[in-house]
Amino acid sequence: MTPTERSFLLSRRDTLTVFRGCQQNLNERGLSWTFGLPVAIDFAYEYYNADKIYLTGECAATDVIAYFNFSKEFEVIIPGKNVNVIATTPVPYPIPQHLLRQ
């Protein structure tokens, strides 16, 4: 992590909302999550052929292992078992403009 990324992560002491783009029933509890919903949707859309979904979850800031913001991915490294998934949503097609990654 860069000093800026480390500072950002250390400033979080609350419950965080995170997202994960994936294929339904395939690695839904992986390590890589994001703070950016458009990033999760883009990831699911680009890397999976069928049953594209995004997960919305909550986790304790203290459970986050690392945070990276290269390529504006807002990546959060956290064991999937530490994320409380609160919603599973199919990726819309076509993707609405407001959900496209900028």
N, C-alpha and C. Protein backbone atom coordinates (compact mmCIF):
# COMPACT_ATOMS: atom_id res chain seq x y z
N MET A 1 0.84 -1.18 0.00
CA MET A 1 0.00 0.00 0.00
C MET A 1 0.88 1.24 0.00
N THR A 2 0.40 2.26 -0.67
CA THR A 2 1.10 3.54 -0.64
C THR A 2 0.81 4.21 0.71
N PRO A 3 1.57 5.22 1.08
CA PRO A 3 1.26 5.94 2.31
C PRO A 3 -0.16 6.52 2.32
N THR A 4 -0.62 7.01 1.17
CA THR A 4 -1.97 7.57 1.08
C THR A 4 -3.02 6.48 1.30
N GLU A 5 -2.82 5.32 0.68
CA GLU A 5 -3.76 4.20 0.84
C GLU A 5 -3.77 3.72 2.29
N ARG A 6 -2.60 3.62 2.89
CA ARG A 6 -2.52 3.18 4.29
C ARG A 6 -3.23 4.17 5.22
N SER A 7 -3.02 5.46 4.97
CA SER A 7 -3.67 6.50 5.77
C SER A 7 -5.18 6.42 5.64
N PHE A 8 -5.65 6.23 4.41
CA PHE A 8 -7.10 6.10 4.19
C PHE A 8 -7.66 4.91 4.96
N LEU A 9 -6.99 3.78 4.86
CA LEU A 9 -7.47 2.58 5.55
C LEU A 9 -7.45 2.76 7.07
N LEU A 10 -6.41 3.34 7.59
CA LEU A 10 -6.32 3.53 9.03
C LEU A 10 -7.34 4.53 9.56
N SER A 11 -7.83 5.40 8.70
CA SER A 11 -8.83 6.39 9.13
C SER A 11 -10.23 5.78 9.24
N ARG A 12 -10.43 4.59 8.73
CA ARG A 12 -11.74 3.91 8.79
C ARG A 12 -11.85 3.11 10.08
N ARG A 13 -12.84 3.41 10.86
CA ARG A 13 -13.05 2.70 12.12
C ARG A 13 -14.49 2.24 12.27
N ASP A 14 -15.22 2.23 11.19
CA ASP A 14 -16.64 1.93 11.25
C ASP A 14 -16.95 0.70 10.40
N THR A 15 -18.20 0.45 10.18
CA THR A 15 -18.63 -0.61 9.28
C THR A 15 -18.53 -0.09 7.85
N LEU A 16 -17.95 -0.90 6.98
CA LEU A 16 -17.74 -0.50 5.59
C LEU A 16 -18.68 -1.26 4.67
N THR A 17 -19.13 -0.61 3.62
CA THR A 17 -19.90 -1.27 2.57
C THR A 17 -18.95 -1.59 1.44
N VAL A 18 -18.95 -2.86 1.00
CA VAL A 18 -18.07 -3.32 -0.06
C VAL A 18 -18.89 -4.08 -1.11
N PHE A 19 -18.30 -4.21 -2.30
CA PHE A 19 -18.97 -4.87 -3.42
C PHE A 19 -18.02 -5.87 -4.05
N ARG A 20 -18.60 -6.91 -4.67
CA ARG A 20 -17.80 -7.91 -5.36
C ARG A 20 -18.54 -8.36 -6.61
N GLY A 21 -17.89 -8.25 -7.76
CA GLY A 21 -18.45 -8.76 -9.01
C GLY A 21 -17.98 -10.18 -9.23
N CYS A 22 -18.90 -11.07 -9.55
CA CYS A 22 -18.54 -12.47 -9.72
C CYS A 22 -19.62 -13.21 -10.50
N GLN A 23 -19.42 -14.50 -10.63
CA GLN A 23 -20.43 -15.36 -11.22
C GLN A 23 -21.14 -16.07 -10.08
N GLN A 24 -22.44 -16.18 -10.18
CA GLN A 24 -23.22 -16.80 -9.10
C GLN A 24 -22.69 -18.19 -8.81
N ASN A 25 -22.52 -18.48 -7.53
CA ASN A 25 -22.03 -19.76 -7.01
C ASN A 25 -20.60 -20.07 -7.42
N LEU A 26 -19.83 -19.07 -7.80
CA LEU A 26 -18.43 -19.28 -8.17
C LEU A 26 -17.57 -18.25 -7.45
N ASN A 27 -16.85 -18.68 -6.44
CA ASN A 27 -15.91 -17.83 -5.72
C ASN A 27 -16.54 -16.56 -5.16
N GLU A 28 -17.73 -16.67 -4.65
CA GLU A 28 -18.41 -15.50 -4.08
C GLU A 28 -17.73 -15.00 -2.81
N ARG A 29 -16.95 -15.82 -2.16
CA ARG A 29 -16.30 -15.43 -0.90
C ARG A 29 -14.80 -15.20 -1.06
N GLY A 30 -14.40 -14.64 -2.19
CA GLY A 30 -12.99 -14.39 -2.44
C GLY A 30 -12.44 -13.24 -1.61
N LEU A 31 -11.17 -12.94 -1.82
CA LEU A 31 -10.46 -11.91 -1.05
C LEU A 31 -10.63 -10.50 -1.59
N SER A 32 -10.84 -10.34 -2.88
CA SER A 32 -10.87 -9.01 -3.49
C SER A 32 -12.28 -8.46 -3.56
N TRP A 33 -12.48 -7.33 -2.88
CA TRP A 33 -13.74 -6.60 -2.88
C TRP A 33 -13.41 -5.18 -3.30
N THR A 34 -14.40 -4.32 -3.43
CA THR A 34 -14.15 -2.94 -3.82
C THR A 34 -15.14 -2.01 -3.10
N PHE A 35 -14.73 -0.76 -2.96
CA PHE A 35 -15.64 0.26 -2.45
C PHE A 35 -16.52 0.80 -3.57
N GLY A 36 -16.20 0.49 -4.82
CA GLY A 36 -16.90 1.06 -5.97
C GLY A 36 -17.85 0.09 -6.64
N LEU A 37 -19.14 0.35 -6.55
CA LEU A 37 -20.13 -0.50 -7.22
C LEU A 37 -19.86 -0.60 -8.72
N PRO A 38 -19.57 0.49 -9.44
CA PRO A 38 -19.28 0.35 -10.87
C PRO A 38 -18.09 -0.58 -11.16
N VAL A 39 -17.12 -0.61 -10.27
CA VAL A 39 -15.96 -1.50 -10.44
C VAL A 39 -16.41 -2.96 -10.35
N ALA A 40 -17.25 -3.28 -9.38
CA ALA A 40 -17.74 -4.65 -9.21
C ALA A 40 -18.57 -5.08 -10.42
N ILE A 41 -19.43 -4.21 -10.90
CA ILE A 41 -20.26 -4.53 -12.06
C ILE A 41 -19.39 -4.73 -13.29
N ASP A 42 -18.43 -3.85 -13.49
CA ASP A 42 -17.52 -3.97 -14.62
C ASP A 42 -16.74 -5.28 -14.57
N PHE A 43 -16.27 -5.64 -13.40
CA PHE A 43 -15.50 -6.88 -13.24
C PHE A 43 -16.35 -8.10 -13.60
N ALA A 44 -17.55 -8.16 -13.07
CA ALA A 44 -18.44 -9.29 -13.38
C ALA A 44 -18.75 -9.34 -14.86
N TYR A 45 -19.03 -8.20 -15.44
CA TYR A 45 -19.41 -8.13 -16.85
C TYR A 45 -18.25 -8.57 -17.75
N GLU A 46 -17.04 -8.14 -17.42
CA GLU A 46 -15.90 -8.40 -18.28
C GLU A 46 -15.32 -9.80 -18.13
N TYR A 47 -15.38 -10.39 -16.94
CA TYR A 47 -14.65 -11.64 -16.70
C TYR A 47 -15.52 -12.90 -16.60
N TYR A 48 -16.82 -12.77 -16.63
CA TYR A 48 -17.67 -13.95 -16.51
C TYR A 48 -18.65 -14.01 -17.67
N ASN A 49 -18.98 -15.24 -18.08
CA ASN A 49 -19.85 -15.45 -19.24
C ASN A 49 -21.32 -15.62 -18.88
N ALA A 50 -21.60 -16.12 -17.70
CA ALA A 50 -22.99 -16.44 -17.35
C ALA A 50 -23.23 -16.10 -15.88
N ASP A 51 -24.49 -15.91 -15.55
CA ASP A 51 -24.91 -15.70 -14.16
C ASP A 51 -24.08 -14.62 -13.47
N LYS A 52 -23.91 -13.49 -14.13
CA LYS A 52 -23.11 -12.39 -13.60
C LYS A 52 -23.89 -11.70 -12.48
N ILE A 53 -23.25 -11.56 -11.34
CA ILE A 53 -23.88 -10.91 -10.20
C ILE A 53 -22.89 -9.97 -9.54
N TYR A 54 -23.43 -9.11 -8.69
CA TYR A 54 -22.56 -8.39 -7.77
C TYR A 54 -23.14 -8.55 -6.38
N LEU A 55 -22.23 -8.66 -5.44
CA LEU A 55 -22.60 -8.80 -4.03
C LEU A 55 -22.41 -7.46 -3.34
N THR A 56 -23.31 -7.15 -2.45
CA THR A 56 -23.16 -6.00 -1.57
C THR A 56 -22.96 -6.55 -0.18
N GLY A 57 -21.92 -6.11 0.49
CA GLY A 57 -21.64 -6.64 1.82
C GLY A 57 -21.20 -5.56 2.78
N GLU A 58 -21.15 -5.94 4.03
CA GLU A 58 -20.65 -5.06 5.08
C GLU A 58 -19.56 -5.80 5.85
N CYS A 59 -18.57 -5.04 6.28
CA CYS A 59 -17.49 -5.63 7.05
C CYS A 59 -16.96 -4.61 8.05
N ALA A 60 -16.29 -5.11 9.05
CA ALA A 60 -15.65 -4.22 10.02
C ALA A 60 -14.35 -3.70 9.40
N ALA A 61 -14.10 -2.43 9.57
CA ALA A 61 -12.87 -1.83 9.02
C ALA A 61 -11.63 -2.55 9.56
N THR A 62 -11.71 -3.04 10.76
CA THR A 62 -10.56 -3.72 11.38
C THR A 62 -10.27 -5.08 10.75
N ASP A 63 -11.21 -5.62 9.96
CA ASP A 63 -11.00 -6.91 9.28
C ASP A 63 -10.31 -6.76 7.93
N VAL A 64 -10.19 -5.53 7.44
CA VAL A 64 -9.57 -5.29 6.14
C VAL A 64 -8.06 -5.49 6.25
N ILE A 65 -7.51 -6.29 5.34
CA ILE A 65 -6.07 -6.57 5.33
C ILE A 65 -5.32 -5.47 4.61
N ALA A 66 -5.87 -5.00 3.48
CA ALA A 66 -5.19 -3.97 2.69
C ALA A 66 -6.19 -3.25 1.81
N TYR A 67 -5.78 -2.08 1.34
CA TYR A 67 -6.58 -1.26 0.42
C TYR A 67 -5.65 -0.74 -0.67
N PHE A 68 -6.07 -0.90 -1.93
CA PHE A 68 -5.29 -0.43 -3.07
C PHE A 68 -6.19 0.38 -3.99
N ASN A 69 -5.68 1.51 -4.46
CA ASN A 69 -6.47 2.33 -5.37
C ASN A 69 -5.78 2.52 -6.72
N PHE A 70 -4.93 1.58 -7.12
CA PHE A 70 -4.35 1.69 -8.45
C PHE A 70 -5.44 1.43 -9.48
N SER A 71 -5.35 2.07 -10.60
CA SER A 71 -6.34 1.97 -11.68
C SER A 71 -7.75 2.32 -11.21
N LYS A 72 -7.86 3.07 -10.14
CA LYS A 72 -9.16 3.48 -9.58
C LYS A 72 -10.09 2.29 -9.35
N GLU A 73 -9.51 1.19 -8.82
CA GLU A 73 -10.31 0.01 -8.52
C GLU A 73 -10.83 0.01 -7.08
N PHE A 74 -10.29 0.84 -6.22
CA PHE A 74 -10.74 0.93 -4.83
C PHE A 74 -10.78 -0.47 -4.19
N GLU A 75 -9.73 -1.25 -4.42
CA GLU A 75 -9.72 -2.65 -4.01
C GLU A 75 -9.50 -2.81 -2.51
N VAL A 76 -10.34 -3.65 -1.92
CA VAL A 76 -10.28 -3.96 -0.51
C VAL A 76 -9.95 -5.44 -0.39
N ILE A 77 -8.87 -5.76 0.31
CA ILE A 77 -8.51 -7.16 0.53
C ILE A 77 -9.04 -7.55 1.91
N ILE A 78 -9.96 -8.51 1.90
CA ILE A 78 -10.60 -8.95 3.13
C ILE A 78 -11.07 -10.39 2.94
N PRO A 79 -10.84 -11.25 3.92
CA PRO A 79 -11.36 -12.62 3.79
C PRO A 79 -12.88 -12.59 3.62
N GLY A 80 -13.36 -13.28 2.61
CA GLY A 80 -14.79 -13.30 2.33
C GLY A 80 -15.63 -13.74 3.51
N LYS A 81 -15.07 -14.58 4.37
CA LYS A 81 -15.82 -15.04 5.55
C LYS A 81 -16.08 -13.89 6.52
N ASN A 82 -15.35 -12.79 6.37
CA ASN A 82 -15.53 -11.63 7.25
C ASN A 82 -16.49 -10.60 6.67
N VAL A 83 -17.07 -10.90 5.52
CA VAL A 83 -18.02 -9.99 4.89
C VAL A 83 -19.43 -10.55 5.08
N ASN A 84 -20.30 -9.73 5.61
CA ASN A 84 -21.71 -10.08 5.75
C ASN A 84 -22.42 -9.65 4.46
N VAL A 85 -22.73 -10.62 3.60
CA VAL A 85 -23.38 -10.30 2.32
C VAL A 85 -24.83 -9.95 2.60
N ILE A 86 -25.22 -8.73 2.22
CA ILE A 86 -26.58 -8.27 2.48
C ILE A 86 -27.45 -8.25 1.23
N ALA A 87 -26.82 -8.39 0.04
CA ALA A 87 -27.61 -8.44 -1.20
C ALA A 87 -26.81 -9.13 -2.29
N THR A 88 -27.52 -9.90 -3.09
CA THR A 88 -26.98 -10.51 -4.30
C THR A 88 -27.85 -10.01 -5.45
N THR A 89 -27.22 -9.34 -6.41
CA THR A 89 -27.97 -8.67 -7.47
C THR A 89 -27.45 -9.08 -8.84
N PRO A 90 -28.33 -9.47 -9.77
CA PRO A 90 -27.88 -9.75 -11.13
C PRO A 90 -27.31 -8.48 -11.77
N VAL A 91 -26.26 -8.64 -12.55
CA VAL A 91 -25.70 -7.50 -13.27
C VAL A 91 -26.65 -7.14 -14.41
N PRO A 92 -27.11 -5.89 -14.46
CA PRO A 92 -28.05 -5.49 -15.51
C PRO A 92 -27.37 -5.42 -16.88
N TYR A 93 -28.14 -5.70 -17.92
CA TYR A 93 -27.63 -5.52 -19.27
C TYR A 93 -28.73 -4.92 -20.12
N PRO A 94 -28.46 -3.87 -20.84
CA PRO A 94 -27.19 -3.15 -20.81
C PRO A 94 -27.00 -2.44 -19.47
N ILE A 95 -25.76 -2.16 -19.18
CA ILE A 95 -25.45 -1.51 -17.91
C ILE A 95 -25.90 -0.05 -17.97
N PRO A 96 -26.72 0.39 -17.01
CA PRO A 96 -27.16 1.80 -17.00
C PRO A 96 -25.97 2.75 -16.91
N GLN A 97 -26.09 3.89 -17.54
CA GLN A 97 -25.01 4.87 -17.61
C GLN A 97 -24.44 5.22 -16.23
N HIS A 98 -25.30 5.37 -15.23
CA HIS A 98 -24.81 5.78 -13.91
C HIS A 98 -24.02 4.68 -13.20
N LEU A 99 -24.06 3.46 -13.73
CA LEU A 99 -23.30 2.37 -13.13
C LEU A 99 -22.04 2.02 -13.91
N LEU A 100 -21.75 2.77 -14.99
CA LEU A 100 -20.53 2.54 -15.75
C LEU A 100 -19.34 3.12 -15.02
N ARG A 101 -18.24 2.41 -15.11
CA ARG A 101 -17.02 2.91 -14.48
C ARG A 101 -16.46 4.05 -15.31
N GLN A 102 -16.10 5.12 -14.63
CA GLN A 102 -15.58 6.33 -15.31
C GLN A 102 -14.13 6.21 -15.59
